[in-house]
Amino acid sequence: MTEGIASGPGDFQRKIEQCLAGIEGPIPYLDNIFCTDKNGLHKSESKVKAMIEAPTPTNKKQLESFLGLITYYSRFIPSSAEMLKPLYECVSRIDWKWTTECEKAFRWVKRELTSERVLAHYDPNEDFVLACDNGKNFYNYVFGKEITLRTDHKPLIFIFGPKQEIPLTTASIHV
C-alpha cells in the first residue's frame, strides 16, 4: 500500500480485520493487534512485574530498556508524553545525567502503569470519552449513550458538532 494515501489507514484496518476474522481473541486497531482472553483486554502480569521491579536506571542503556518496556502501556495514560519528557530528554543527551525530574517521572510512570485506570474495563456508569478518527467501529458501544467525542475527523465534527440551522437559500429550494 502506498504511503500517504488518505484511504490507506482504513484500507489497512479492513485488511487486518479480514485476516483475523473468525479468530477469537485478537482485536485489530490501527497498527496494533490487541489479544484478549475470557477476561478481556488487560495488562500482562509479567510486564507489570518487570515495570514495578525495574531499578532506577544508572546509564543510558538501562533507561532505553525501561522506556522500551513502558512504551506500549504509556499510550493508555493521559498526559504521558508531557510527564515522561524528562526521561526522553535524559536518553537523548550525550552525557548521562539523572536529575530529580527524571526520578519524579520514573516513579510517576511506575505508579500510573500499575493503577486501575490503565486498561480499565468499560463501565457504563462512568463518563464515556471517545477519542478517534472514525467512530463506526464503536457504534455498538456509544449508540444511545451520552459521550464526549474528541476527534479531528471532519464528518464526525460536522455530525456531532454545534448544531446550525439549514441556510435559508437551501431551505427555499423547490425541486
C-alpha atoms as a PDB file:
ATOM      1  CA  MET A   1       0.000   0.000   0.000  1.00  0.00           C
ATOM      2  CA  THR A   2       1.422   3.360  -0.975  1.00  0.00           C
ATOM      3  CA  GLU A   3       2.267   5.618   1.938  1.00  0.00           C
ATOM      4  CA  GLY A   4       0.436   8.919   2.201  1.00  0.00           C
ATOM      5  CA  ILE A   5      -2.829   7.843   0.581  1.00  0.00           C
ATOM      6  CA  ALA A   6      -5.761   9.212   2.603  1.00  0.00           C
ATOM      7  CA  SER A   7      -7.697   5.936   2.449  1.00  0.00           C
ATOM      8  CA  GLY A   8      -4.628   3.924   3.491  1.00  0.00           C
ATOM      9  CA  PRO A   9      -5.384   3.563   7.223  1.00  0.00           C
ATOM     10  CA  GLY A  10      -8.977   2.492   6.560  1.00  0.00           C
ATOM     11  CA  ASP A  11      -7.883   0.008   3.893  1.00  0.00           C
ATOM     12  CA  PHE A  12      -5.206  -1.392   6.204  1.00  0.00           C
ATOM     13  CA  GLN A  13      -7.725  -1.710   9.060  1.00  0.00           C
ATOM     14  CA  ARG A  14     -10.151  -3.637   6.815  1.00  0.00           C
ATOM     15  CA  LYS A  15      -7.407  -5.990   5.583  1.00  0.00           C
ATOM     16  CA  ILE A  16      -6.274  -6.758   9.140  1.00  0.00           C
ATOM     17  CA  GLU A  17      -9.901  -7.324  10.227  1.00  0.00           C
ATOM     18  CA  GLN A  18     -10.363  -9.731   7.301  1.00  0.00           C
ATOM     19  CA  CYS A  19      -7.164 -11.615   8.155  1.00  0.00           C
ATOM     20  CA  LEU A  20      -8.246 -12.055  11.773  1.00  0.00           C
ATOM     21  CA  ALA A  21     -11.930 -12.800  11.050  1.00  0.00           C
ATOM     22  CA  GLY A  22     -13.105 -15.916  12.873  1.00  0.00           C
ATOM     23  CA  ILE A  23     -10.194 -15.982  15.318  1.00  0.00           C
ATOM     24  CA  GLU A  24     -11.366 -15.472  18.894  1.00  0.00           C
ATOM     25  CA  GLY A  25      -9.356 -13.011  20.961  1.00  0.00           C
ATOM     26  CA  PRO A  26      -7.450 -10.581  18.710  1.00  0.00           C
ATOM     27  CA  ILE A  27      -8.745  -7.038  18.304  1.00  0.00           C
ATOM     28  CA  PRO A  28      -7.156  -5.136  15.402  1.00  0.00           C
ATOM     29  CA  TYR A  29      -6.794  -1.403  15.992  1.00  0.00           C
ATOM     30  CA  LEU A  30      -4.758   0.713  13.581  1.00  0.00           C
ATOM     31  CA  ASP A  31      -1.258  -0.783  13.545  1.00  0.00           C
ATOM     32  CA  ASN A  32      -1.808  -2.858  16.702  1.00  0.00           C
ATOM     33  CA  ILE A  33      -3.385  -6.214  17.365  1.00  0.00           C
ATOM     34  CA  PHE A  34      -4.667  -6.467  20.921  1.00  0.00           C
ATOM     35  CA  CYS A  35      -5.045 -10.025  22.213  1.00  0.00           C
ATOM     36  CA  THR A  36      -7.748 -10.773  24.731  1.00  0.00           C
ATOM     37  CA  ASP A  37      -8.840 -13.778  26.741  1.00  0.00           C
ATOM     38  CA  LYS A  38     -12.019 -14.643  28.638  1.00  0.00           C
ATOM     39  CA  ASN A  39     -11.308 -11.699  30.980  1.00  0.00           C
ATOM     40  CA  GLY A  40     -10.964  -9.209  28.125  1.00  0.00           C
ATOM     41  CA  LEU A  41      -8.026  -6.897  27.419  1.00  0.00           C
ATOM     42  CA  HIS A  42      -5.768  -6.475  30.414  1.00  0.00           C
ATOM     43  CA  LYS A  43      -2.210  -5.809  31.439  1.00  0.00           C
ATOM     44  CA  SER A  44       0.309  -8.618  31.239  1.00  0.00           C
ATOM     45  CA  GLU A  45       1.212  -9.617  34.813  1.00  0.00           C
ATOM     46  CA  SER A  46       4.810 -10.389  33.844  1.00  0.00           C
ATOM     47  CA  LYS A  47       5.229  -6.970  32.168  1.00  0.00           C
ATOM     48  CA  VAL A  48       3.691  -5.153  35.156  1.00  0.00           C
ATOM     49  CA  LYS A  49       6.005  -7.061  37.492  1.00  0.00           C
ATOM     50  CA  ALA A  50       9.013  -6.118  35.340  1.00  0.00           C
ATOM     51  CA  MET A  51       7.932  -2.453  35.387  1.00  0.00           C
ATOM     52  CA  ILE A  52       7.419  -2.380  39.154  1.00  0.00           C
ATOM     53  CA  GLU A  53      10.704  -4.116  39.892  1.00  0.00           C
ATOM     54  CA  ALA A  54      12.749  -2.108  37.398  1.00  0.00           C
ATOM     55  CA  PRO A  55      15.570  -0.397  39.283  1.00  0.00           C
ATOM     56  CA  THR A  56      16.360   3.256  38.791  1.00  0.00           C
ATOM     57  CA  PRO A  57      18.460   3.435  35.608  1.00  0.00           C
ATOM     58  CA  THR A  58      22.140   4.187  36.121  1.00  0.00           C
ATOM     59  CA  ASN A  59      23.054   4.614  32.461  1.00  0.00           C
ATOM     60  CA  LYS A  60      21.568   5.425  29.069  1.00  0.00           C
ATOM     61  CA  LYS A  61      21.191   1.772  28.005  1.00  0.00           C
ATOM     62  CA  GLN A  62      19.138   0.922  31.113  1.00  0.00           C
ATOM     63  CA  LEU A  63      16.895   3.946  30.566  1.00  0.00           C
ATOM     64  CA  GLU A  64      16.366   2.970  26.913  1.00  0.00           C
ATOM     65  CA  SER A  65      15.379  -0.528  28.059  1.00  0.00           C
ATOM     66  CA  PHE A  66      12.906   0.856  30.602  1.00  0.00           C
ATOM     67  CA  LEU A  67      11.362   3.228  28.052  1.00  0.00           C
ATOM     68  CA  GLY A  68      11.013   0.310  25.635  1.00  0.00           C
ATOM     69  CA  LEU A  69       9.267  -1.693  28.336  1.00  0.00           C
ATOM     70  CA  ILE A  70       6.713   1.031  29.137  1.00  0.00           C
ATOM     71  CA  THR A  71       6.082   2.317  25.604  1.00  0.00           C
ATOM     72  CA  TYR A  72       3.079   0.089  24.852  1.00  0.00           C
ATOM     73  CA  TYR A  73       1.211   0.854  28.082  1.00  0.00           C
ATOM     74  CA  SER A  74       2.110   4.546  28.235  1.00  0.00           C
ATOM     75  CA  ARG A  75      -0.278   5.213  25.331  1.00  0.00           C
ATOM     76  CA  PHE A  76      -3.129   4.441  27.749  1.00  0.00           C
ATOM     77  CA  ILE A  77      -2.008   7.107  30.247  1.00  0.00           C
ATOM     78  CA  PRO A  78      -3.275  10.670  29.797  1.00  0.00           C
ATOM     79  CA  SER A  79      -0.505  13.273  29.511  1.00  0.00           C
ATOM     80  CA  SER A  80       2.195  10.608  29.400  1.00  0.00           C
ATOM     81  CA  ALA A  81       4.226  12.417  26.739  1.00  0.00           C
ATOM     82  CA  GLU A  82       4.474  15.537  28.886  1.00  0.00           C
ATOM     83  CA  MET A  83       5.132  13.647  32.103  1.00  0.00           C
ATOM     84  CA  LEU A  84       7.800  11.411  30.532  1.00  0.00           C
ATOM     85  CA  LYS A  85       9.576  14.315  28.855  1.00  0.00           C
ATOM     86  CA  PRO A  86      12.446  14.362  31.417  1.00  0.00           C
ATOM     87  CA  LEU A  87      13.203  10.701  30.665  1.00  0.00           C
ATOM     88  CA  TYR A  88      13.227  11.225  26.910  1.00  0.00           C
ATOM     89  CA  GLU A  89      15.413  14.319  27.302  1.00  0.00           C
ATOM     90  CA  CYS A  90      17.783  12.346  29.512  1.00  0.00           C
ATOM     91  CA  VAL A  91      18.101   9.496  27.000  1.00  0.00           C
ATOM     92  CA  SER A  92      18.777  11.934  24.163  1.00  0.00           C
ATOM     93  CA  ARG A  93      21.614  13.724  25.986  1.00  0.00           C
ATOM     94  CA  ILE A  94      25.195  12.905  25.034  1.00  0.00           C
ATOM     95  CA  ASP A  95      26.315  12.874  28.666  1.00  0.00           C
ATOM     96  CA  TRP A  96      24.362  10.777  31.194  1.00  0.00           C
ATOM     97  CA  LYS A  97      22.754  12.874  33.937  1.00  0.00           C
ATOM     98  CA  TRP A  98      19.905  11.517  36.070  1.00  0.00           C
ATOM     99  CA  THR A  99      18.041  14.506  37.553  1.00  0.00           C
ATOM    100  CA  THR A 100      15.368  14.889  40.226  1.00  0.00           C
ATOM    101  CA  GLU A 101      12.879  15.488  37.367  1.00  0.00           C
ATOM    102  CA  CYS A 102      13.937  12.142  35.869  1.00  0.00           C
ATOM    103  CA  GLU A 103      13.399  10.420  39.200  1.00  0.00           C
ATOM    104  CA  LYS A 104       9.954  12.002  39.609  1.00  0.00           C
ATOM    105  CA  ALA A 105       8.940  10.937  36.075  1.00  0.00           C
ATOM    106  CA  PHE A 106      10.313   7.425  36.669  1.00  0.00           C
ATOM    107  CA  ARG A 107       8.319   6.990  39.900  1.00  0.00           C
ATOM    108  CA  TRP A 108       5.220   8.611  38.377  1.00  0.00           C
ATOM    109  CA  VAL A 109       5.088   6.286  35.364  1.00  0.00           C
ATOM    110  CA  LYS A 110       5.581   3.185  37.519  1.00  0.00           C
ATOM    111  CA  ARG A 111       2.713   4.306  39.753  1.00  0.00           C
ATOM    112  CA  GLU A 112       0.449   5.113  36.776  1.00  0.00           C
ATOM    113  CA  LEU A 113       1.184   1.882  34.909  1.00  0.00           C
ATOM    114  CA  THR A 114       0.106  -0.191  37.889  1.00  0.00           C
ATOM    115  CA  SER A 115      -3.048   1.838  38.537  1.00  0.00           C
ATOM    116  CA  GLU A 116      -6.533   0.586  37.752  1.00  0.00           C
ATOM    117  CA  ARG A 117      -7.003   3.393  35.187  1.00  0.00           C
ATOM    118  CA  VAL A 118      -4.660   1.783  32.679  1.00  0.00           C
ATOM    119  CA  LEU A 119      -6.625  -0.691  30.555  1.00  0.00           C
ATOM    120  CA  ALA A 120      -9.666  -0.484  32.808  1.00  0.00           C
ATOM    121  CA  HIS A 121     -12.718  -2.358  31.616  1.00  0.00           C
ATOM    122  CA  TYR A 122     -15.667  -0.425  30.263  1.00  0.00           C
ATOM    123  CA  ASP A 123     -18.083   0.765  32.944  1.00  0.00           C
ATOM    124  CA  PRO A 124     -21.399   2.082  31.550  1.00  0.00           C
ATOM    125  CA  ASN A 125     -21.851   4.186  34.706  1.00  0.00           C
ATOM    126  CA  GLU A 126     -18.679   6.198  34.058  1.00  0.00           C
ATOM    127  CA  ASP A 127     -18.367   9.178  31.681  1.00  0.00           C
ATOM    128  CA  PHE A 128     -17.501   7.916  28.200  1.00  0.00           C
ATOM    129  CA  VAL A 129     -14.841   9.747  26.198  1.00  0.00           C
ATOM    130  CA  LEU A 130     -14.352   8.544  22.633  1.00  0.00           C
ATOM    131  CA  ALA A 131     -11.101   9.673  21.006  1.00  0.00           C
ATOM    132  CA  CYS A 132     -10.982   8.528  17.403  1.00  0.00           C
ATOM    133  CA  ASP A 133     -10.613   9.296  13.732  1.00  0.00           C
ATOM    134  CA  ASN A 134     -13.638   7.245  12.754  1.00  0.00           C
ATOM    135  CA  GLY A 135     -16.456   6.243  15.095  1.00  0.00           C
ATOM    136  CA  LYS A 136     -18.014   3.431  13.038  1.00  0.00           C
ATOM    137  CA  ASN A 137     -16.218   0.649  14.887  1.00  0.00           C
ATOM    138  CA  PHE A 138     -17.542   1.916  18.225  1.00  0.00           C
ATOM    139  CA  TYR A 139     -21.200   2.277  17.169  1.00  0.00           C
ATOM    140  CA  ASN A 140     -22.462  -0.566  19.395  1.00  0.00           C
ATOM    141  CA  TYR A 141     -20.781   0.962  22.438  1.00  0.00           C
ATOM    142  CA  VAL A 142     -21.977   4.534  22.015  1.00  0.00           C
ATOM    143  CA  PHE A 143     -25.431   4.166  20.448  1.00  0.00           C
ATOM    144  CA  GLY A 144     -27.990   5.807  22.715  1.00  0.00           C
ATOM    145  CA  LYS A 145     -25.373   6.959  25.227  1.00  0.00           C
ATOM    146  CA  GLU A 146     -24.149  10.427  26.019  1.00  0.00           C
ATOM    147  CA  ILE A 147     -20.475  10.650  25.075  1.00  0.00           C
ATOM    148  CA  THR A 148     -17.680  13.162  24.864  1.00  0.00           C
ATOM    149  CA  LEU A 149     -16.168  12.945  21.387  1.00  0.00           C
ATOM    150  CA  ARG A 150     -12.573  14.012  20.732  1.00  0.00           C
ATOM    151  CA  THR A 151     -11.728  13.905  17.050  1.00  0.00           C
ATOM    152  CA  ASP A 152     -10.320  15.807  14.114  1.00  0.00           C
ATOM    153  CA  HIS A 153     -12.402  13.739  11.655  1.00  0.00           C
ATOM    154  CA  LYS A 154     -14.328  16.379   9.659  1.00  0.00           C
ATOM    155  CA  PRO A 155     -17.530  14.353   9.010  1.00  0.00           C
ATOM    156  CA  LEU A 156     -17.817  13.449  12.708  1.00  0.00           C
ATOM    157  CA  ILE A 157     -17.219  17.067  13.710  1.00  0.00           C
ATOM    158  CA  PHE A 158     -19.969  18.128  11.302  1.00  0.00           C
ATOM    159  CA  ILE A 159     -22.413  15.453  12.519  1.00  0.00           C
ATOM    160  CA  PHE A 160     -21.785  15.871  16.251  1.00  0.00           C
ATOM    161  CA  GLY A 161     -20.588  19.483  16.348  1.00  0.00           C
ATOM    162  CA  PRO A 162     -22.605  22.569  17.213  1.00  0.00           C
ATOM    163  CA  LYS A 163     -25.997  22.395  15.513  1.00  0.00           C
ATOM    164  CA  GLN A 164     -26.773  25.030  12.936  1.00  0.00           C
ATOM    165  CA  GLU A 165     -29.936  25.680  11.036  1.00  0.00           C
ATOM    166  CA  ILE A 166     -30.169  24.946   7.314  1.00  0.00           C
ATOM    167  CA  PRO A 167     -29.312  28.091   5.343  1.00  0.00           C
ATOM    168  CA  LEU A 168     -32.425  29.858   4.040  1.00  0.00           C
ATOM    169  CA  THR A 169     -31.244  29.545   0.448  1.00  0.00           C
ATOM    170  CA  THR A 170     -31.054  25.761   0.828  1.00  0.00           C
ATOM    171  CA  ALA A 171     -34.364  25.521   2.673  1.00  0.00           C
ATOM    172  CA  SER A 172     -36.119  27.578  -0.045  1.00  0.00           C
ATOM    173  CA  ILE A 173     -35.144  25.349  -2.980  1.00  0.00           C
ATOM    174  CA  HIS A 174     -38.094  23.502  -4.530  1.00  0.00           C
ATOM    175  CA  VAL A 175     -37.473  20.595  -6.844  1.00  0.00           C
END
